[in-house]
């Protein structure tokens, strides 16, 4: 008795397999399993397929068992456990761009954590500050570090008056005595 693995697909299964392989969003392992089945259907043996695809024979046989148990749809990866990620889609990115454009025109600056909080409150999107920073950079948004001082907003007349008052209070022997003490 021979243990040679043979697969003969129906016309519908071949069509499904071609459609699956034509998709651009396949994961690496789904594509590998589909290629295993395609090559097995063409008459290749499991060791030949493993050699062509540079994988283990066990991988080829597992793909054949998946096909046998659930058809072409079983070649897809199983869903990942956990809560699905909330993605900032095109509409969310467009809303964010509008907010930043309007804010820039009004002279309002945003930090990335503040933008993250705005997205959580207004759009219901939970996103990390690091990933939001990366998305903003990819979308072409540039910024500089915000100023840590409000000196540029001060009244020059009041500044001059304060300087004059400080000059009157300064003791002139302070520098000389400090320098001689050290």
Protein backbone atom coordinates (compact mmCIF):
# COMPACT_ATOMS: atom_id res chain seq x y z
CA UNK A 1 0.00 0.00 0.00
CA UNK A 2 1.36 3.42 -0.98
CA UNK A 3 1.34 6.53 1.21
CA UNK A 4 1.59 8.91 -1.74
CA UNK A 5 -0.59 11.94 -1.19
CA UNK A 6 -2.82 12.61 -4.19
CA UNK A 7 -5.25 15.49 -4.66
CA UNK A 8 -7.66 15.94 -7.51
CA UNK A 9 -9.69 19.12 -7.33
CA UNK A 10 -13.09 19.60 -8.90
CA UNK A 11 -13.64 22.38 -11.42
CA UNK A 12 -15.34 24.50 -8.74
CA UNK A 13 -12.49 23.93 -6.28
CA UNK A 14 -9.91 24.93 -8.92
CA UNK A 15 -11.86 28.12 -9.60
CA UNK A 16 -12.08 28.88 -5.86
CA UNK A 17 -8.35 28.22 -5.50
CA UNK A 18 -7.52 30.54 -8.42
CA UNK A 19 -9.70 33.26 -6.91
CA UNK A 20 -8.03 32.78 -3.54
CA UNK A 21 -4.53 33.01 -5.03
CA UNK A 22 -5.52 36.15 -6.97
CA UNK A 23 -6.28 38.02 -3.75
CA UNK A 24 -3.65 40.51 -2.66
CA UNK A 25 -4.50 40.48 1.04
CA UNK A 26 -3.51 36.88 1.77
CA UNK A 27 -1.19 36.15 4.63
CA UNK A 28 2.04 34.36 3.93
CA UNK A 29 0.85 31.04 5.34
CA UNK A 30 -2.52 31.09 3.58
CA UNK A 31 -0.76 31.68 0.26
CA UNK A 32 1.68 28.86 1.06
CA UNK A 33 -1.15 26.42 1.81
CA UNK A 34 -2.98 27.39 -1.38
CA UNK A 35 0.20 26.93 -3.44
CA UNK A 36 0.70 23.50 -1.85
CA UNK A 37 -2.76 22.46 -2.98
CA UNK A 38 -2.26 23.89 -6.47
CA UNK A 39 0.99 21.99 -6.96
CA UNK A 40 -0.43 18.76 -5.49
CA UNK A 41 -3.34 19.04 -7.92
CA UNK A 42 -0.84 19.27 -10.78
CA UNK A 43 0.56 15.85 -9.87
CA UNK A 44 3.56 16.80 -7.75
CA UNK A 45 4.37 14.69 -4.72
CA UNK A 46 4.48 16.11 -1.21
CA UNK A 47 8.31 16.08 -1.04
CA UNK A 48 8.51 17.83 -4.44
CA UNK A 49 6.05 20.51 -3.33
CA UNK A 50 7.95 20.96 -0.06
CA UNK A 51 11.19 21.37 -2.02
CA UNK A 52 9.65 23.87 -4.46
CA UNK A 53 8.06 25.98 -1.72
CA UNK A 54 11.00 25.55 0.66
CA UNK A 55 8.90 24.25 3.51
CA UNK A 56 8.52 21.01 5.42
CA UNK A 57 6.63 17.99 4.07
CA UNK A 58 4.47 18.12 7.19
CA UNK A 59 3.30 21.59 6.13
CA UNK A 60 2.26 20.26 2.72
CA UNK A 61 0.39 17.33 4.25
CA UNK A 62 -1.33 19.63 6.77
CA UNK A 63 -2.57 21.82 3.90
CA UNK A 64 -3.97 18.73 2.17
CA UNK A 65 -5.76 17.68 5.37
CA UNK A 66 -7.23 21.17 5.73
CA UNK A 67 -8.57 20.99 2.18
CA UNK A 68 -10.01 17.53 2.80
CA UNK A 69 -11.69 18.58 6.05
CA UNK A 70 -13.12 21.96 5.05
CA UNK A 71 -12.58 22.71 1.38
CA UNK A 72 -10.72 25.69 -0.08
CA UNK A 73 -12.11 28.04 2.59
CA UNK A 74 -10.31 26.00 5.26
CA UNK A 75 -6.96 27.08 3.81
CA UNK A 76 -7.48 30.58 5.25
CA UNK A 77 -5.94 31.49 8.60
CA UNK A 78 -8.15 31.14 11.64
CA UNK A 79 -9.30 34.42 13.21
CA UNK A 80 -6.94 35.82 15.83
CA UNK A 81 -8.13 35.82 19.44
CA UNK A 82 -8.92 38.98 21.35
CA UNK A 83 -10.72 42.20 20.65
CA UNK A 84 -10.32 43.35 17.05
CA UNK A 85 -8.28 46.51 16.68
CA UNK A 86 -10.12 49.74 16.09
CA UNK A 87 -8.59 51.21 13.03
CA UNK A 88 -8.45 54.88 12.18
CA UNK A 89 -10.09 54.67 8.76
CA UNK A 90 -10.01 57.12 5.89
CA UNK A 91 -12.93 59.13 7.28
CA UNK A 92 -11.23 59.40 10.70
CA UNK A 93 -7.97 60.51 9.09
CA UNK A 94 -9.83 63.07 6.98
CA UNK A 95 -11.61 64.43 10.09
CA UNK A 96 -8.27 64.66 11.87
CA UNK A 97 -6.73 66.51 8.92
CA UNK A 98 -9.65 68.98 8.86
CA UNK A 99 -9.27 69.57 12.61
CA UNK A 100 -5.55 70.24 12.28
CA UNK A 101 -6.02 72.55 9.29
CA UNK A 102 -8.70 74.61 11.04
CA UNK A 103 -6.67 74.69 14.27
CA UNK A 104 -3.55 75.85 12.42
CA UNK A 105 -5.50 78.68 10.81
CA UNK A 106 -6.70 79.76 14.26
CA UNK A 107 -3.25 79.41 15.82
CA UNK A 108 -4.20 76.45 18.01
CA UNK A 109 -1.56 73.76 18.53
CA UNK A 110 -2.22 70.14 19.41
CA UNK A 111 -0.06 67.52 21.04
CA UNK A 112 -0.31 63.90 19.91
CA UNK A 113 -1.79 62.75 23.26
CA UNK A 114 -4.40 65.52 23.02
CA UNK A 115 -5.26 64.41 19.47
CA UNK A 116 -5.55 60.83 20.73
CA UNK A 117 -7.99 62.00 23.42
CA UNK A 118 -9.97 63.97 20.82
CA UNK A 119 -10.23 60.86 18.63
CA UNK A 120 -11.42 58.81 21.61
CA UNK A 121 -14.08 61.33 22.60
CA UNK A 122 -15.30 62.52 19.20
CA UNK A 123 -14.80 59.47 16.97
CA UNK A 124 -14.76 56.56 19.43
CA UNK A 125 -11.37 55.39 18.16
CA UNK A 126 -8.83 54.01 20.62
CA UNK A 127 -5.32 54.46 19.22
CA UNK A 128 -1.90 54.73 20.79
CA UNK A 129 -0.04 58.02 20.69
CA UNK A 130 2.95 56.38 19.00
CA UNK A 131 0.85 54.95 16.18
CA UNK A 132 -1.03 58.24 15.76
CA UNK A 133 2.31 60.05 15.51
CA UNK A 134 3.36 57.62 12.77
CA UNK A 135 0.08 58.13 10.87
CA UNK A 136 0.44 61.91 11.07
CA UNK A 137 3.98 61.66 9.76
CA UNK A 138 2.84 59.42 6.89
CA UNK A 139 0.06 61.86 6.00
CA UNK A 140 2.61 64.64 5.66
CA UNK A 141 1.88 66.59 8.82
CA UNK A 142 4.95 68.38 10.15
CA UNK A 143 5.34 70.21 13.41
CA UNK A 144 7.92 71.76 15.63
CA UNK A 145 8.23 71.61 19.36
CA UNK A 146 5.89 74.10 20.99
CA UNK A 147 7.42 76.97 22.90
CA UNK A 148 7.87 76.52 26.62
CA UNK A 149 7.66 80.23 27.32
CA UNK A 150 5.15 83.02 26.89
CA UNK A 151 7.85 85.69 26.61
CA UNK A 152 6.78 86.45 23.04
CA UNK A 153 3.32 87.45 24.34
CA UNK A 154 4.57 89.88 27.01
CA UNK A 155 4.13 93.65 26.72
CA UNK A 156 7.55 95.25 25.93
CA UNK A 157 6.74 98.37 27.96
CA UNK A 158 6.02 96.31 31.07
CA UNK A 159 9.18 94.26 30.49
CA UNK A 160 11.30 97.42 30.32
CA UNK A 161 9.73 98.78 33.53
CA UNK A 162 10.42 95.48 35.32
CA UNK A 163 14.06 95.49 34.15
CA UNK A 164 14.51 99.05 35.45
CA UNK A 165 12.99 98.12 38.81
CA UNK A 166 15.34 95.13 39.09
CA UNK A 167 18.35 97.33 38.28
CA UNK A 168 17.41 99.64 41.14
CA UNK A 169 17.22 96.70 43.55
CA UNK A 170 20.51 95.10 42.49
CA UNK A 171 23.40 95.43 44.90
CA UNK A 172 26.47 96.39 42.91
CA UNK A 173 29.09 94.75 45.11
CA UNK A 174 27.47 91.32 44.79
CA UNK A 175 29.57 90.04 41.89
CA UNK A 176 32.84 91.27 43.32
CA UNK A 177 32.27 89.71 46.73
CA UNK A 178 31.00 86.47 45.23
CA UNK A 179 34.04 86.20 42.93
CA UNK A 180 36.52 86.87 45.77
CA UNK A 181 34.83 84.32 48.05
CA UNK A 182 35.47 81.44 45.65
